[in-house]
Protein backbone atom coordinates (compact mmCIF):
# COMPACT_ATOMS: atom_id res chain seq x y z
CA MET A 1 0.00 0.00 0.00
CA LEU A 2 2.80 2.33 0.96
CA GLY A 3 4.59 1.54 -2.25
CA GLU A 4 1.53 2.45 -4.23
CA GLU A 5 1.29 5.83 -2.48
CA ASP A 6 4.96 6.55 -3.17
CA ALA A 7 4.49 5.59 -6.78
CA MET A 8 1.52 7.92 -7.05
CA LYS A 9 3.49 10.77 -5.49
CA ASN A 10 6.47 10.26 -7.78
CA ALA A 11 4.35 9.78 -10.86
CA VAL A 12 4.64 12.65 -13.36
CA SER A 13 1.28 13.80 -14.50
CA VAL A 14 1.18 14.03 -18.28
CA PRO A 15 -1.56 16.34 -19.50
CA THR A 16 -3.71 14.83 -22.16
CA ARG A 17 -3.31 16.57 -25.53
CA ARG A 18 -6.43 17.44 -27.40
CA ASP A 19 -6.41 18.42 -31.10
CA ARG A 20 -8.06 21.76 -31.70
CA GLY A 21 -9.60 23.12 -34.94
CA PHE A 22 -10.38 26.70 -35.93
CA SER A 23 -13.36 28.36 -34.43
CA LEU A 24 -16.04 29.87 -36.62
CA ILE A 25 -14.95 33.39 -35.64
CA GLU A 26 -11.35 32.71 -36.68
CA LEU A 27 -12.48 31.40 -40.06
CA LEU A 28 -14.70 34.44 -40.59
CA VAL A 29 -11.80 36.77 -39.78
CA VAL A 30 -9.54 35.01 -42.33
CA VAL A 31 -12.25 35.15 -45.02
CA ALA A 32 -12.81 38.85 -44.31
CA LEU A 33 -9.09 39.56 -44.68
CA ILE A 34 -8.98 37.71 -48.01
CA VAL A 35 -11.97 39.70 -49.29
CA ILE A 36 -10.38 43.01 -48.24
CA LEU A 37 -7.02 42.18 -49.85
CA SER A 38 -8.76 41.07 -53.05
CA ALA A 39 -10.76 44.29 -53.22
CA VAL A 40 -7.54 46.29 -52.95
CA ALA A 41 -5.46 44.21 -55.40
CA ILE A 42 -7.91 43.34 -58.19
CA PRO A 43 -8.29 46.88 -59.64
CA GLY A 44 -4.51 47.22 -59.91
CA ILE A 45 -4.17 43.82 -61.55
CA SER A 46 -6.98 44.59 -63.99
CA ARG A 47 -5.37 47.92 -64.86
CA TYR A 48 -2.05 46.19 -65.47
CA PHE A 49 -3.55 43.67 -67.90
CA ARG A 50 -5.55 46.40 -69.67
CA ASN A 51 -2.36 48.41 -70.22
CA PHE A 52 -0.17 45.41 -71.05
CA LYS A 53 -0.71 45.39 -74.83
CA ILE A 54 -0.48 49.14 -75.45
CA ARG A 55 2.58 49.50 -73.18
CA GLY A 56 4.22 46.59 -74.98
CA ALA A 57 3.58 48.27 -78.34
CA GLU A 58 5.03 51.53 -77.03
CA SER A 59 8.17 49.75 -75.83
CA GLN A 60 8.48 47.91 -79.14
CA VAL A 61 8.25 51.07 -81.27
CA GLY A 62 10.54 53.02 -78.94
CA GLY A 63 13.13 50.25 -79.18
CA GLU A 64 13.05 50.29 -82.99
CA ILE A 65 13.44 54.09 -83.04
CA GLN A 66 16.46 53.75 -80.76
CA ALA A 67 17.84 51.02 -83.04
CA ALA A 68 17.58 53.39 -86.03
CA ARG A 69 19.44 56.10 -84.12
CA SER A 70 22.16 53.70 -82.98
CA LYS A 71 22.61 52.48 -86.55
CA ALA A 72 23.01 56.04 -87.83
CA ILE A 73 25.72 56.75 -85.26
CA ALA A 74 27.49 53.38 -85.57
CA THR A 75 27.68 53.45 -89.39
CA ASN A 76 28.53 57.18 -89.54
CA THR A 77 26.18 57.54 -92.50
CA ASN A 78 26.19 60.55 -94.80
CA THR A 79 22.42 60.54 -95.28
CA GLY A 80 21.54 59.09 -91.89
CA VAL A 81 18.91 56.48 -91.03
CA SER A 82 15.17 57.15 -91.31
CA PHE A 83 12.46 55.73 -89.07
CA VAL A 84 9.47 55.16 -91.37
CA ILE A 85 5.86 54.48 -90.37
CA VAL A 86 4.75 52.54 -93.44
CA ASP A 87 1.07 52.37 -92.54
CA ALA A 88 -1.25 52.42 -89.53
CA ASN A 89 0.18 49.21 -88.05
CA SER A 90 3.72 48.73 -89.39
CA TYR A 91 7.08 50.51 -89.38
CA ARG A 92 10.78 50.03 -90.18
CA TRP A 93 14.11 51.84 -90.43
CA VAL A 94 15.66 52.72 -93.81
CA LEU A 95 19.36 53.23 -94.52
CA GLU A 96 20.16 54.90 -97.86
CA ASP A 97 23.95 55.04 -97.72
CA THR A 98 24.71 51.54 -98.98
CA PRO A 99 24.66 49.93 -102.44
CA PRO A 100 22.33 49.49 -104.23
CA GLY A 101 21.27 52.71 -102.55
CA VAL A 102 18.74 51.60 -99.93
CA MET A 103 18.80 49.08 -97.11
CA LEU A 104 15.51 48.30 -95.42
CA GLY A 105 15.20 47.16 -91.85
CA PRO A 106 12.72 44.39 -91.03
CA LEU A 107 9.08 45.39 -91.36
CA ARG A 108 7.63 45.38 -87.83
CA ASP A 109 3.94 45.04 -86.99
CA LEU A 110 2.15 46.52 -84.02
CA PRO A 111 0.27 44.06 -81.79
CA THR A 112 -3.20 43.17 -83.07
CA GLY A 113 -5.68 45.95 -82.28
CA VAL A 114 -3.03 48.66 -81.75
CA ARG A 115 -2.69 51.43 -84.34
CA PHE A 116 -0.69 54.59 -84.94
CA VAL A 117 -2.81 57.72 -84.52
CA PRO A 118 -2.80 60.12 -87.51
CA ALA A 119 -0.84 63.23 -86.56
CA ALA A 120 -2.25 66.75 -86.52
CA GLY A 121 -0.56 69.94 -87.69
CA VAL A 122 2.94 69.67 -89.17
CA SER A 123 3.40 65.96 -89.78
CA GLU A 124 5.29 63.38 -91.83
CA PRO A 125 5.31 59.59 -92.28
CA SER A 126 8.98 59.46 -91.22
CA PHE A 127 11.96 61.26 -89.72
CA ARG A 128 15.72 60.89 -90.02
CA PHE A 129 18.65 60.53 -87.62
CA ASN A 130 21.93 62.04 -88.82
CA ARG A 131 25.37 60.63 -88.07
CA LEU A 132 25.40 62.41 -84.70
CA GLY A 133 22.05 60.91 -83.69
CA ALA A 134 20.06 64.16 -83.97
CA THR A 135 16.68 64.22 -85.73
CA CYS A 136 15.44 65.87 -88.89
CA VAL A 137 11.87 65.75 -90.20
CA THR A 138 12.10 67.75 -93.42
CA CYS A 139 14.93 65.55 -94.74
CA ALA A 140 13.22 62.22 -93.96
CA TYR A 141 12.82 59.29 -96.31
CA THR A 142 10.03 59.71 -98.89
CA LEU A 143 7.69 56.75 -99.35
CA SER A 144 7.14 55.58 -102.90
CA ALA A 145 3.50 55.91 -103.89
CA ALA A 146 3.64 52.57 -105.70
CA THR A 147 5.51 50.39 -103.24
CA GLY A 148 5.43 52.18 -99.90
CA ALA A 149 8.76 51.61 -98.16
CA CYS A 150 9.40 48.43 -100.14
CA SER A 151 11.70 49.54 -102.92
CA PRO A 152 14.10 48.35 -104.17
CA PRO A 153 12.26 45.05 -104.84
CA GLU A 154 15.40 42.92 -104.57
CA LEU A 155 15.64 43.77 -100.85
CA VAL A 156 12.17 42.62 -99.93
CA ALA A 157 11.75 39.51 -102.09
CA GLY A 158 7.97 39.58 -102.05
CA ALA A 159 7.61 40.58 -98.40
CA ARG A 160 4.49 42.47 -97.37
CA CYS A 161 4.89 46.21 -97.84
CA ALA A 162 1.68 47.61 -96.36
CA ASP A 163 -1.71 46.22 -95.38
CA ASP A 164 -3.26 49.20 -93.64
CA THR A 165 -3.79 52.92 -94.16
CA PRO A 166 -0.66 54.88 -95.17
CA GLY A 167 -0.50 58.38 -93.77
CA ARG A 168 1.34 60.95 -91.68
CA TYR A 169 1.78 59.62 -88.16
CA VAL A 170 4.78 61.66 -86.96
CA GLN A 171 3.86 65.07 -85.53
CA SER A 172 6.48 67.81 -85.28
CA ASP A 173 6.22 70.06 -82.24
CA ALA A 174 8.41 72.98 -83.28
CA VAL A 175 7.83 74.88 -80.01
CA ASN A 176 9.29 72.15 -77.81
CA GLY A 177 11.57 70.72 -80.50
CA VAL A 178 10.22 67.17 -80.27
CA LEU A 179 8.64 64.62 -82.57
CA ILE A 180 5.48 62.92 -81.32
CA ILE A 181 4.08 59.49 -82.18
CA ASN A 182 0.79 58.39 -80.65
CA LEU A 183 -0.48 54.82 -80.34
CA THR A 184 -4.01 53.72 -79.53
CA GLU A 185 -5.57 50.40 -78.61
CA GLN A 186 -8.86 50.27 -80.47
CA ALA A 187 -10.72 47.96 -78.07
CA THR A 188 -10.06 50.01 -74.93
CA GLY A 189 -9.33 53.48 -76.32
CA LEU A 190 -6.09 53.62 -74.29
CA GLN A 191 -3.32 55.76 -75.79
CA ARG A 192 0.44 56.01 -75.29
CA THR A 193 2.83 58.67 -76.56
CA ILE A 194 6.42 58.40 -77.74
CA ARG A 195 8.49 61.57 -77.97
CA VAL A 196 11.82 61.99 -79.72
CA ALA A 197 13.86 65.03 -78.69
CA ALA A 198 15.77 67.11 -81.23
CA GLY A 199 19.01 65.57 -79.97
CA GLY A 200 17.59 62.10 -80.67
CA ARG A 201 16.69 60.96 -77.18
CA VAL A 202 13.66 58.62 -77.19
CA LEU A 203 11.16 59.36 -74.41
CA THR A 204 8.37 56.87 -73.73
CA GLN A 205 5.37 57.71 -71.58
CA PRO A 206 5.92 56.82 -67.88
């Protein structure tokens, strides 16, 4: 009997462990937090996806303009390199200093549904970078009425020249000394603007 009492005294009591789930209040709090975070984040995500295509087009055109400028500086051309908007959805650079007289850059297309906006006021379908990388509108490449920016034929080998509306899409802002190219996404009406400073710097919309 005494041994049993000693054993009971020396015995270490081990509390029983009971698994616990979440209470209804805790679950409601978590759900409420998820709803609040979603309400805050979804508009920003939607805005990002809405702007994705037009911003991508802006970056694409700005990069090709910069490529034309870099080519004019790197090749030290006498006539420079022109950036030509062939029609409402395509563009390319043109180098006229090499035999047989013209070298055409690849014809680039805007993403589906994105178009160049016809320019107002003093405008041209193209502008030129000189060997120092500065711009000139009045000395830009002139599109052929018959072939667009596709001549000479041996350089294009049957490639598409134009499939949309030719026109003047480069606006010259003489007051601020910049060239302006506007893009629009037809489905949403969103617009982006690319500016090229007189010194040749390409400025995309922030």
